């Protein structure tokens, strides 16, 4: 397996694509191209969680896919304290929308550029994200063929097209998120996240609408696999159900799983990604197996 960290931009060390490219073998696929999964970890647009990065990548790699983890534009630089969330944060231009989805676009173009070397089937690239990372991949999924990306990169929309999207405990509607009742800590986190993504702690309705993918689903949005838990108090399950309804209204294929128990941030929901016992839940851990079956409907590899 080729594991390599690639700096997407020459002048920035914070946006990194880590590759988990399967070795070719005459015993298995013998030169045939494989599908790929591009993962965006969560972290409220303040950081990228390690818990939703390499362990998830290795699980998808075990399914036979090439996998890539994208550490996209977030507020904190390496070594900065997350405690700053509770003290207020200042505007940083590098993180403001559409920068995070453009990071996905840059990664997609790099995958296509290296498709022959890495043996990637570019018609079968899935996006996968968690929490804010799920918001990022869902937002990219409704904008991938818009000028905000195509004109920026000066490419044909097909160069940026994702085949499918997997979103775990996603934030899909910033207008809904703003208006729901929150405790003091969650409100501080929401404001800090809004500062990172939109440049202000109190964005207006127009700004929030532009980053609410559940309100922007269109006929070009790719099929989606959605999952969350009904106990999630940080990003309520309504974000997942709103996205599911929006997909249904537009006739976009989707699958949705709502597990009864489990807090926000479960990742794989096993000891592989847990830093406390609350993040281990056998029922919610089924999501990855369900996602594997869902992907096989679209990404089955050619086997003689």
C-alpha atoms as a PDB file:
ATOM      1  CA  UNK A   1       0.000   0.000   0.000  1.00  0.00           C
ATOM      2  CA  UNK A   2       1.225   3.456  -0.924  1.00  0.00           C
ATOM      3  CA  UNK A   3       0.761   5.733   2.104  1.00  0.00           C
ATOM      4  CA  UNK A   4       1.839   9.257   1.266  1.00  0.00           C
ATOM      5  CA  UNK A   5       1.012  12.748   2.507  1.00  0.00           C
ATOM      6  CA  UNK A   6       0.594  15.253  -0.301  1.00  0.00           C
ATOM      7  CA  UNK A   7       0.433  19.019   0.226  1.00  0.00           C
ATOM      8  CA  UNK A   8      -2.357  20.235  -2.070  1.00  0.00           C
ATOM      9  CA  UNK A   9      -1.124  23.825  -2.226  1.00  0.00           C
ATOM     10  CA  UNK A  10       2.516  24.918  -2.447  1.00  0.00           C
ATOM     11  CA  UNK A  11       2.120  27.756   0.032  1.00  0.00           C
ATOM     12  CA  UNK A  12       0.046  25.907   2.653  1.00  0.00           C
ATOM     13  CA  UNK A  13       0.973  23.039   4.938  1.00  0.00           C
ATOM     14  CA  UNK A  14      -2.474  22.618   6.481  1.00  0.00           C
ATOM     15  CA  UNK A  15      -4.409  21.150   3.515  1.00  0.00           C
ATOM     16  CA  UNK A  16      -3.092  17.627   3.140  1.00  0.00           C
ATOM     17  CA  UNK A  17      -4.257  14.590   1.168  1.00  0.00           C
ATOM     18  CA  UNK A  18      -3.118  11.265   2.628  1.00  0.00           C
ATOM     19  CA  UNK A  19      -3.174   8.334   0.218  1.00  0.00           C
ATOM     20  CA  UNK A  20      -3.957   4.711   1.008  1.00  0.00           C
ATOM     21  CA  UNK A  21      -3.431   3.286  -2.474  1.00  0.00           C
ATOM     22  CA  UNK A  22      -3.664  -0.493  -2.796  1.00  0.00           C
ATOM     23  CA  UNK A  23      -0.713  -2.336  -4.311  1.00  0.00           C
ATOM     24  CA  UNK A  24      -1.529  -3.964  -7.617  1.00  0.00           C
ATOM     25  CA  UNK A  25      -1.223  -7.749  -7.697  1.00  0.00           C
ATOM     26  CA  UNK A  26      -1.556 -10.311 -10.498  1.00  0.00           C
ATOM     27  CA  UNK A  27      -3.350 -12.505  -7.964  1.00  0.00           C
ATOM     28  CA  UNK A  28      -6.179 -10.046  -7.458  1.00  0.00           C
ATOM     29  CA  UNK A  29      -7.034  -7.316  -9.975  1.00  0.00           C
ATOM     30  CA  UNK A  30      -3.943  -7.545 -12.154  1.00  0.00           C
ATOM     31  CA  UNK A  31      -3.821  -3.981 -13.446  1.00  0.00           C
ATOM     32  CA  UNK A  32      -7.558  -3.240 -13.300  1.00  0.00           C
ATOM     33  CA  UNK A  33      -8.614   0.083 -11.825  1.00  0.00           C
ATOM     34  CA  UNK A  34     -10.332   0.212  -8.442  1.00  0.00           C
ATOM     35  CA  UNK A  35     -13.007   2.540  -7.076  1.00  0.00           C
ATOM     36  CA  UNK A  36     -11.913   5.117  -4.499  1.00  0.00           C
ATOM     37  CA  UNK A  37     -13.250   6.756  -1.354  1.00  0.00           C
ATOM     38  CA  UNK A  38     -12.281  10.317  -0.378  1.00  0.00           C
ATOM     39  CA  UNK A  39     -12.813  10.987   3.348  1.00  0.00           C
ATOM     40  CA  UNK A  40     -13.362  14.340   5.061  1.00  0.00           C
ATOM     41  CA  UNK A  41     -13.095  14.057   8.871  1.00  0.00           C
ATOM     42  CA  UNK A  42     -15.293  16.168  11.129  1.00  0.00           C
ATOM     43  CA  UNK A  43     -14.295  18.829  13.625  1.00  0.00           C
ATOM     44  CA  UNK A  44     -16.734  21.768  13.336  1.00  0.00           C
ATOM     45  CA  UNK A  45     -14.510  23.421  10.672  1.00  0.00           C
ATOM     46  CA  UNK A  46     -12.128  24.117  13.555  1.00  0.00           C
ATOM     47  CA  UNK A  47      -9.920  21.028  13.161  1.00  0.00           C
ATOM     48  CA  UNK A  48      -9.936  17.642  11.400  1.00  0.00           C
ATOM     49  CA  UNK A  49     -10.495  14.709  13.743  1.00  0.00           C
ATOM     50  CA  UNK A  50      -7.957  11.870  13.710  1.00  0.00           C
ATOM     51  CA  UNK A  51     -10.758   9.568  14.893  1.00  0.00           C
ATOM     52  CA  UNK A  52     -12.551   9.990  11.558  1.00  0.00           C
ATOM     53  CA  UNK A  53      -9.462   9.743   9.384  1.00  0.00           C
ATOM     54  CA  UNK A  54      -7.036   6.814   9.188  1.00  0.00           C
ATOM     55  CA  UNK A  55      -9.126   4.199  11.072  1.00  0.00           C
ATOM     56  CA  UNK A  56     -12.018   4.802   8.667  1.00  0.00           C
ATOM     57  CA  UNK A  57      -9.652   4.800   5.698  1.00  0.00           C
ATOM     58  CA  UNK A  58      -8.269   1.408   6.680  1.00  0.00           C
ATOM     59  CA  UNK A  59     -11.794   0.013   7.006  1.00  0.00           C
ATOM     60  CA  UNK A  60     -12.660   1.100   3.463  1.00  0.00           C
ATOM     61  CA  UNK A  61      -9.290  -0.162   2.244  1.00  0.00           C
ATOM     62  CA  UNK A  62     -10.194  -3.568   3.672  1.00  0.00           C
ATOM     63  CA  UNK A  63     -13.180  -3.534   1.295  1.00  0.00           C
ATOM     64  CA  UNK A  64     -10.775  -3.271  -1.632  1.00  0.00           C
ATOM     65  CA  UNK A  65     -11.008   0.449  -2.353  1.00  0.00           C
ATOM     66  CA  UNK A  66      -8.269   3.001  -2.760  1.00  0.00           C
ATOM     67  CA  UNK A  67      -8.800   5.542   0.018  1.00  0.00           C
ATOM     68  CA  UNK A  68      -7.781   9.165   0.514  1.00  0.00           C
ATOM     69  CA  UNK A  69      -8.128  11.330   3.616  1.00  0.00           C
ATOM     70  CA  UNK A  70      -8.444  15.058   3.023  1.00  0.00           C
ATOM     71  CA  UNK A  71      -7.485  17.473   5.774  1.00  0.00           C
ATOM     72  CA  UNK A  72      -9.284  20.486   4.357  1.00  0.00           C
ATOM     73  CA  UNK A  73      -9.277  24.166   5.369  1.00  0.00           C
ATOM     74  CA  UNK A  74     -10.093  24.522   9.069  1.00  0.00           C
ATOM     75  CA  UNK A  75      -9.581  27.252  11.647  1.00  0.00           C
ATOM     76  CA  UNK A  76      -6.894  25.916  13.949  1.00  0.00           C
ATOM     77  CA  UNK A  77      -3.337  25.380  12.863  1.00  0.00           C
ATOM     78  CA  UNK A  78      -1.350  22.486  14.315  1.00  0.00           C
ATOM     79  CA  UNK A  79      -0.594  23.080  17.974  1.00  0.00           C
ATOM     80  CA  UNK A  80      -3.304  25.698  18.582  1.00  0.00           C
ATOM     81  CA  UNK A  81      -5.651  25.123  21.484  1.00  0.00           C
ATOM     82  CA  UNK A  82      -9.233  23.995  20.911  1.00  0.00           C
ATOM     83  CA  UNK A  83     -10.084  25.846  24.136  1.00  0.00           C
ATOM     84  CA  UNK A  84     -10.067  29.055  22.095  1.00  0.00           C
ATOM     85  CA  UNK A  85     -13.595  28.137  21.001  1.00  0.00           C
ATOM     86  CA  UNK A  86     -14.873  29.255  24.378  1.00  0.00           C
ATOM     87  CA  UNK A  87     -12.931  32.534  24.242  1.00  0.00           C
ATOM     88  CA  UNK A  88     -14.090  33.608  20.802  1.00  0.00           C
ATOM     89  CA  UNK A  89     -12.222  33.374  17.509  1.00  0.00           C
ATOM     90  CA  UNK A  90     -11.209  35.860  14.869  1.00  0.00           C
ATOM     91  CA  UNK A  91     -11.779  35.757  11.134  1.00  0.00           C
ATOM     92  CA  UNK A  92      -9.293  33.766   9.039  1.00  0.00           C
ATOM     93  CA  UNK A  93      -9.777  34.138   5.303  1.00  0.00           C
ATOM     94  CA  UNK A  94      -8.309  30.740   4.369  1.00  0.00           C
ATOM     95  CA  UNK A  95     -11.199  28.774   5.863  1.00  0.00           C
ATOM     96  CA  UNK A  96     -14.184  30.755   4.584  1.00  0.00           C
ATOM     97  CA  UNK A  97     -16.647  29.152   2.144  1.00  0.00           C
ATOM     98  CA  UNK A  98     -16.121  28.105  -0.610  1.00  0.00           C
ATOM     99  CA  UNK A  99     -12.554  27.209   0.437  1.00  0.00           C
ATOM    100  CA  UNK A 100     -13.450  23.824   2.028  1.00  0.00           C
ATOM    101  CA  UNK A 101     -15.341  22.560  -1.024  1.00  0.00           C
ATOM    102  CA  UNK A 102     -12.586  23.847  -3.302  1.00  0.00           C
ATOM    103  CA  UNK A 103     -10.183  21.702  -1.292  1.00  0.00           C
ATOM    104  CA  UNK A 104     -12.345  18.698  -2.221  1.00  0.00           C
ATOM    105  CA  UNK A 105     -12.273  19.829  -5.842  1.00  0.00           C
ATOM    106  CA  UNK A 106      -8.469  20.061  -5.778  1.00  0.00           C
ATOM    107  CA  UNK A 107      -8.298  16.558  -4.314  1.00  0.00           C
ATOM    108  CA  UNK A 108     -10.680  15.183  -6.957  1.00  0.00           C
ATOM    109  CA  UNK A 109      -8.530  16.654  -9.720  1.00  0.00           C
ATOM    110  CA  UNK A 110      -5.395  15.166  -8.166  1.00  0.00           C
ATOM    111  CA  UNK A 111      -7.043  11.733  -8.092  1.00  0.00           C
ATOM    112  CA  UNK A 112      -7.911  12.048 -11.770  1.00  0.00           C
ATOM    113  CA  UNK A 113      -4.446  13.304 -12.619  1.00  0.00           C
ATOM    114  CA  UNK A 114      -2.942  10.199 -11.005  1.00  0.00           C
ATOM    115  CA  UNK A 115      -5.655   7.751 -12.067  1.00  0.00           C
ATOM    116  CA  UNK A 116      -3.350   5.715 -14.316  1.00  0.00           C
ATOM    117  CA  UNK A 117      -0.497   5.555 -11.811  1.00  0.00           C
ATOM    118  CA  UNK A 118      -2.744   4.755  -8.865  1.00  0.00           C
ATOM    119  CA  UNK A 119      -5.197   2.625 -10.908  1.00  0.00           C
ATOM    120  CA  UNK A 120      -8.283   4.618  -9.909  1.00  0.00           C
ATOM    121  CA  UNK A 121     -11.613   4.131 -11.646  1.00  0.00           C
ATOM    122  CA  UNK A 122     -12.522   7.816 -11.907  1.00  0.00           C
ATOM    123  CA  UNK A 123     -16.175   7.005 -12.626  1.00  0.00           C
ATOM    124  CA  UNK A 124     -16.388   5.463  -9.158  1.00  0.00           C
ATOM    125  CA  UNK A 125     -15.143   7.977  -6.614  1.00  0.00           C
ATOM    126  CA  UNK A 126     -17.212   8.220  -3.431  1.00  0.00           C
ATOM    127  CA  UNK A 127     -17.086  11.045  -0.930  1.00  0.00           C
ATOM    128  CA  UNK A 128     -17.394  10.207   2.767  1.00  0.00           C
ATOM    129  CA  UNK A 129     -17.653  12.657   5.637  1.00  0.00           C
ATOM    130  CA  UNK A 130     -18.555  12.971   9.294  1.00  0.00           C
ATOM    131  CA  UNK A 131     -20.231  15.893  11.069  1.00  0.00           C
ATOM    132  CA  UNK A 132     -18.677  19.056   9.562  1.00  0.00           C
ATOM    133  CA  UNK A 133     -16.850  16.793   7.103  1.00  0.00           C
ATOM    134  CA  UNK A 134     -20.235  15.353   6.140  1.00  0.00           C
ATOM    135  CA  UNK A 135     -21.486  18.902   5.676  1.00  0.00           C
ATOM    136  CA  UNK A 136     -18.469  19.598   3.480  1.00  0.00           C
ATOM    137  CA  UNK A 137     -18.987  16.568   1.213  1.00  0.00           C
ATOM    138  CA  UNK A 138     -22.745  17.201   1.032  1.00  0.00           C
ATOM    139  CA  UNK A 139     -22.152  20.845   0.141  1.00  0.00           C
ATOM    140  CA  UNK A 140     -19.672  19.804  -2.531  1.00  0.00           C
ATOM    141  CA  UNK A 141     -22.276  17.322  -3.794  1.00  0.00           C
ATOM    142  CA  UNK A 142     -24.767  20.095  -4.547  1.00  0.00           C
ATOM    143  CA  UNK A 143     -22.158  22.490  -5.999  1.00  0.00           C
ATOM    144  CA  UNK A 144     -19.784  20.188  -7.931  1.00  0.00           C
ATOM    145  CA  UNK A 145     -20.980  21.365 -11.368  1.00  0.00           C
ATOM    146  CA  UNK A 146     -21.460  25.035 -10.453  1.00  0.00           C
ATOM    147  CA  UNK A 147     -19.260  27.934 -11.545  1.00  0.00           C
ATOM    148  CA  UNK A 148     -18.040  28.355  -7.980  1.00  0.00           C
ATOM    149  CA  UNK A 149     -15.918  25.260  -8.701  1.00  0.00           C
ATOM    150  CA  UNK A 150     -15.768  24.802 -12.481  1.00  0.00           C
ATOM    151  CA  UNK A 151     -14.732  28.386 -13.213  1.00  0.00           C
ATOM    152  CA  UNK A 152     -12.319  28.437 -10.310  1.00  0.00           C
ATOM    153  CA  UNK A 153     -10.507  25.331 -11.575  1.00  0.00           C
ATOM    154  CA  UNK A 154     -11.212  26.062 -15.266  1.00  0.00           C
ATOM    155  CA  UNK A 155     -12.339  22.481 -15.891  1.00  0.00           C
ATOM    156  CA  UNK A 156     -15.268  20.586 -17.337  1.00  0.00           C
ATOM    157  CA  UNK A 157     -17.777  19.680 -14.594  1.00  0.00           C
ATOM    158  CA  UNK A 158     -17.237  15.958 -15.223  1.00  0.00           C
ATOM    159  CA  UNK A 159     -13.700  16.314 -13.854  1.00  0.00           C
ATOM    160  CA  UNK A 160     -15.226  17.186 -10.479  1.00  0.00           C
ATOM    161  CA  UNK A 161     -18.193  14.813 -10.372  1.00  0.00           C
ATOM    162  CA  UNK A 162     -18.531  12.511  -7.350  1.00  0.00           C
ATOM    163  CA  UNK A 163     -20.246   9.172  -7.958  1.00  0.00           C
ATOM    164  CA  UNK A 164     -21.795   8.855  -4.483  1.00  0.00           C
ATOM    165  CA  UNK A 165     -21.687  10.482  -1.063  1.00  0.00           C
ATOM    166  CA  UNK A 166     -21.683   8.927   2.413  1.00  0.00           C
ATOM    167  CA  UNK A 167     -22.572  11.297   5.264  1.00  0.00           C
ATOM    168  CA  UNK A 168     -22.435  10.414   8.951  1.00  0.00           C
ATOM    169  CA  UNK A 169     -24.221  12.558  11.567  1.00  0.00           C
ATOM    170  CA  UNK A 170     -24.233  15.403   9.094  1.00  0.00           C
ATOM    171  CA  UNK A 171     -25.072  19.056   9.484  1.00  0.00           C
ATOM    172  CA  UNK A 172     -27.284  19.717   6.459  1.00  0.00           C
ATOM    173  CA  UNK A 173     -29.166  22.925   7.248  1.00  0.00           C
ATOM    174  CA  UNK A 174     -27.457  25.900   8.893  1.00  0.00           C
ATOM    175  CA  UNK A 175     -30.705  27.868   9.141  1.00  0.00           C
ATOM    176  CA  UNK A 176     -32.274  25.026  11.109  1.00  0.00           C
ATOM    177  CA  UNK A 177     -29.101  24.670  13.192  1.00  0.00           C
ATOM    178  CA  UNK A 178     -29.082  28.369  14.094  1.00  0.00           C
ATOM    179  CA  UNK A 179     -32.661  28.334  15.318  1.00  0.00           C
ATOM    180  CA  UNK A 180     -32.706  25.181  17.448  1.00  0.00           C
ATOM    181  CA  UNK A 181     -32.285  25.553  21.204  1.00  0.00           C
ATOM    182  CA  UNK A 182     -28.716  24.938  22.403  1.00  0.00           C
ATOM    183  CA  UNK A 183     -26.881  24.920  25.703  1.00  0.00           C
ATOM    184  CA  UNK A 184     -24.133  27.494  26.288  1.00  0.00           C
ATOM    185  CA  UNK A 185     -21.299  25.208  25.195  1.00  0.00           C
ATOM    186  CA  UNK A 186     -23.038  24.093  21.993  1.00  0.00           C
ATOM    187  CA  UNK A 187     -23.938  27.701  21.148  1.00  0.00           C
ATOM    188  CA  UNK A 188     -20.287  28.726  21.537  1.00  0.00           C
ATOM    189  CA  UNK A 189     -19.244  25.878  19.251  1.00  0.00           C
ATOM    190  CA  UNK A 190     -21.844  26.837  16.627  1.00  0.00           C
ATOM    191  CA  UNK A 191     -20.658  30.459  16.639  1.00  0.00           C
ATOM    192  CA  UNK A 192     -17.007  29.445  16.359  1.00  0.00           C
ATOM    193  CA  UNK A 193     -17.826  27.082  13.503  1.00  0.00           C
ATOM    194  CA  UNK A 194     -19.796  29.831  11.740  1.00  0.00           C
ATOM    195  CA  UNK A 195     -16.836  32.190  12.151  1.00  0.00           C
ATOM    196  CA  UNK A 196     -14.543  29.641  10.528  1.00  0.00           C
ATOM    197  CA  UNK A 197     -16.860  28.786   7.640  1.00  0.00           C
ATOM    198  CA  UNK A 198     -18.582  32.131   7.013  1.00  0.00           C
ATOM    199  CA  UNK A 199     -16.311  34.735   8.584  1.00  0.00           C
ATOM    200  CA  UNK A 200     -18.790  35.903  11.213  1.00  0.00           C
ATOM    201  CA  UNK A 201     -20.403  34.500  14.354  1.00  0.00           C
ATOM    202  CA  UNK A 202     -23.772  35.874  13.244  1.00  0.00           C
ATOM    203  CA  UNK A 203     -24.178  35.184   9.511  1.00  0.00           C
ATOM    204  CA  UNK A 204     -27.365  36.355   7.819  1.00  0.00           C
ATOM    205  CA  UNK A 205     -30.008  34.125   6.245  1.00  0.00           C
ATOM    206  CA  UNK A 206     -28.514  34.420   2.752  1.00  0.00           C
ATOM    207  CA  UNK A 207     -25.086  33.246   3.915  1.00  0.00           C
ATOM    208  CA  UNK A 208     -26.584  30.361   5.897  1.00  0.00           C
ATOM    209  CA  UNK A 209     -28.751  29.312   2.943  1.00  0.00           C
ATOM    210  CA  UNK A 210     -25.696  29.038   0.667  1.00  0.00           C
ATOM    211  CA  UNK A 211     -24.135  26.442   2.991  1.00  0.00           C
ATOM    212  CA  UNK A 212     -27.316  24.454   3.682  1.00  0.00           C
ATOM    213  CA  UNK A 213     -27.113  21.482   1.271  1.00  0.00           C
ATOM    214  CA  UNK A 214     -30.502  20.104   2.317  1.00  0.00           C
ATOM    215  CA  UNK A 215     -32.010  23.238   0.756  1.00  0.00           C
ATOM    216  CA  UNK A 216     -29.861  22.998  -2.382  1.00  0.00           C
ATOM    217  CA  UNK A 217     -30.347  19.402  -3.557  1.00  0.00           C
ATOM    218  CA  UNK A 218     -30.830  19.287  -7.319  1.00  0.00           C
ATOM    219  CA  UNK A 219     -31.091  16.757 -10.127  1.00  0.00           C
ATOM    220  CA  UNK A 220     -27.285  16.521 -10.349  1.00  0.00           C
ATOM    221  CA  UNK A 221     -26.780  15.629  -6.680  1.00  0.00           C
ATOM    222  CA  UNK A 222     -25.237  12.132  -6.429  1.00  0.00           C
ATOM    223  CA  UNK A 223     -26.878   9.205  -4.606  1.00  0.00           C
ATOM    224  CA  UNK A 224     -26.320   9.366  -0.859  1.00  0.00           C
ATOM    225  CA  UNK A 225     -25.949   7.043   2.106  1.00  0.00           C
ATOM    226  CA  UNK A 226     -26.932   8.808   5.327  1.00  0.00           C
ATOM    227  CA  UNK A 227     -26.664   7.696   8.943  1.00  0.00           C
ATOM    228  CA  UNK A 228     -26.986   9.200  12.396  1.00  0.00           C
ATOM    229  CA  UNK A 229     -28.444   8.469  15.824  1.00  0.00           C
ATOM    230  CA  UNK A 230     -31.615   9.749  17.423  1.00  0.00           C
ATOM    231  CA  UNK A 231     -29.677  10.512  20.624  1.00  0.00           C
ATOM    232  CA  UNK A 232     -27.290  12.964  18.947  1.00  0.00           C
ATOM    233  CA  UNK A 233     -27.759  16.216  20.872  1.00  0.00           C
ATOM    234  CA  UNK A 234     -24.990  18.230  19.196  1.00  0.00           C
ATOM    235  CA  UNK A 235     -26.149  17.812  15.579  1.00  0.00           C
ATOM    236  CA  UNK A 236     -29.784  16.689  15.845  1.00  0.00           C
ATOM    237  CA  UNK A 237     -31.080  13.884  13.670  1.00  0.00           C
ATOM    238  CA  UNK A 238     -33.309  16.424  11.918  1.00  0.00           C
ATOM    239  CA  UNK A 239     -30.334  17.317   9.741  1.00  0.00           C
ATOM    240  CA  UNK A 240     -30.251  13.775   8.382  1.00  0.00           C
ATOM    241  CA  UNK A 241     -34.010  13.533   7.897  1.00  0.00           C
ATOM    242  CA  UNK A 242     -34.103  16.904   6.162  1.00  0.00           C
ATOM    243  CA  UNK A 243     -31.477  15.753   3.695  1.00  0.00           C
ATOM    244  CA  UNK A 244     -33.297  12.459   3.131  1.00  0.00           C
ATOM    245  CA  UNK A 245     -36.534  14.313   2.397  1.00  0.00           C
ATOM    246  CA  UNK A 246     -34.778  16.711   0.030  1.00  0.00           C
ATOM    247  CA  UNK A 247     -33.242  13.786  -1.873  1.00  0.00           C
ATOM    248  CA  UNK A 248     -36.618  12.040  -2.042  1.00  0.00           C
ATOM    249  CA  UNK A 249     -38.294  15.187  -3.348  1.00  0.00           C
ATOM    250  CA  UNK A 250     -35.767  15.386  -6.201  1.00  0.00           C
ATOM    251  CA  UNK A 251     -35.843  11.661  -6.984  1.00  0.00           C
ATOM    252  CA  UNK A 252     -32.196  11.124  -5.967  1.00  0.00           C
ATOM    253  CA  UNK A 253     -31.450   7.541  -4.811  1.00  0.00           C
ATOM    254  CA  UNK A 254     -30.540   7.354  -1.147  1.00  0.00           C
ATOM    255  CA  UNK A 255     -30.404   5.077   1.865  1.00  0.00           C
ATOM    256  CA  UNK A 256     -30.782   6.331   5.436  1.00  0.00           C
ATOM    257  CA  UNK A 257     -30.155   4.630   8.793  1.00  0.00           C
ATOM    258  CA  UNK A 258     -31.105   6.195  12.125  1.00  0.00           C
ATOM    259  CA  UNK A 259     -29.805   4.245  15.104  1.00  0.00           C
ATOM    260  CA  UNK A 260     -31.612   4.662  18.415  1.00  0.00           C
ATOM    261  CA  UNK A 261     -28.611   5.109  20.688  1.00  0.00           C
ATOM    262  CA  UNK A 262     -25.248   6.831  20.505  1.00  0.00           C
ATOM    263  CA  UNK A 263     -23.836  10.348  20.937  1.00  0.00           C
ATOM    264  CA  UNK A 264     -22.382  12.618  18.292  1.00  0.00           C
ATOM    265  CA  UNK A 265     -19.004  11.683  16.843  1.00  0.00           C
ATOM    266  CA  UNK A 266     -19.214   7.891  16.829  1.00  0.00           C
ATOM    267  CA  UNK A 267     -16.970   7.402  13.787  1.00  0.00           C
ATOM    268  CA  UNK A 268     -16.749   3.585  13.418  1.00  0.00           C
ATOM    269  CA  UNK A 269     -18.442   3.210  16.805  1.00  0.00           C
ATOM    270  CA  UNK A 270     -15.870   0.591  17.851  1.00  0.00           C
ATOM    271  CA  UNK A 271     -12.758   0.588  20.005  1.00  0.00           C
ATOM    272  CA  UNK A 272     -10.758   1.381  16.848  1.00  0.00           C
ATOM    273  CA  UNK A 273     -12.005   4.992  16.984  1.00  0.00           C
ATOM    274  CA  UNK A 274     -13.281   5.460  20.549  1.00  0.00           C
ATOM    275  CA  UNK A 275     -11.568   7.544  23.208  1.00  0.00           C
ATOM    276  CA  UNK A 276     -14.260   6.697  25.759  1.00  0.00           C
ATOM    277  CA  UNK A 277     -16.812   3.919  26.241  1.00  0.00           C
ATOM    278  CA  UNK A 278     -19.738   6.112  25.139  1.00  0.00           C
ATOM    279  CA  UNK A 279     -18.329   6.050  21.600  1.00  0.00           C
ATOM    280  CA  UNK A 280     -18.652   2.269  21.326  1.00  0.00           C
ATOM    281  CA  UNK A 281     -22.072   1.081  20.229  1.00  0.00           C
ATOM    282  CA  UNK A 282     -22.589  -2.263  18.514  1.00  0.00           C
ATOM    283  CA  UNK A 283     -25.824  -1.226  16.828  1.00  0.00           C
ATOM    284  CA  UNK A 284     -24.464   2.001  15.331  1.00  0.00           C
ATOM    285  CA  UNK A 285     -21.269   0.183  14.326  1.00  0.00           C
ATOM    286  CA  UNK A 286     -23.349  -1.599  11.679  1.00  0.00           C
ATOM    287  CA  UNK A 287     -23.335   1.522   9.516  1.00  0.00           C
ATOM    288  CA  UNK A 288     -20.019   0.667   7.866  1.00  0.00           C
ATOM    289  CA  UNK A 289     -21.208  -2.814   6.850  1.00  0.00           C
ATOM    290  CA  UNK A 290     -24.431  -1.325   5.509  1.00  0.00           C
ATOM    291  CA  UNK A 291     -22.433   1.265   3.590  1.00  0.00           C
ATOM    292  CA  UNK A 292     -20.258  -1.494   2.130  1.00  0.00           C
ATOM    293  CA  UNK A 293     -23.336  -3.291   0.783  1.00  0.00           C
ATOM    294  CA  UNK A 294     -24.706  -0.017  -0.576  1.00  0.00           C
ATOM    295  CA  UNK A 295     -21.416   0.772  -2.333  1.00  0.00           C
ATOM    296  CA  UNK A 296     -21.277  -2.700  -3.872  1.00  0.00           C
ATOM    297  CA  UNK A 297     -24.466  -1.922  -5.785  1.00  0.00           C
ATOM    298  CA  UNK A 298     -22.559   0.863  -7.554  1.00  0.00           C
ATOM    299  CA  UNK A 299     -18.876   0.038  -7.161  1.00  0.00           C
ATOM    300  CA  UNK A 300     -18.603  -3.691  -7.707  1.00  0.00           C
ATOM    301  CA  UNK A 301     -15.182  -4.403  -9.203  1.00  0.00           C
ATOM    302  CA  UNK A 302     -14.690  -6.569 -12.278  1.00  0.00           C
ATOM    303  CA  UNK A 303     -13.777 -10.108 -11.269  1.00  0.00           C
ATOM    304  CA  UNK A 304     -13.307 -12.889 -13.806  1.00  0.00           C
END
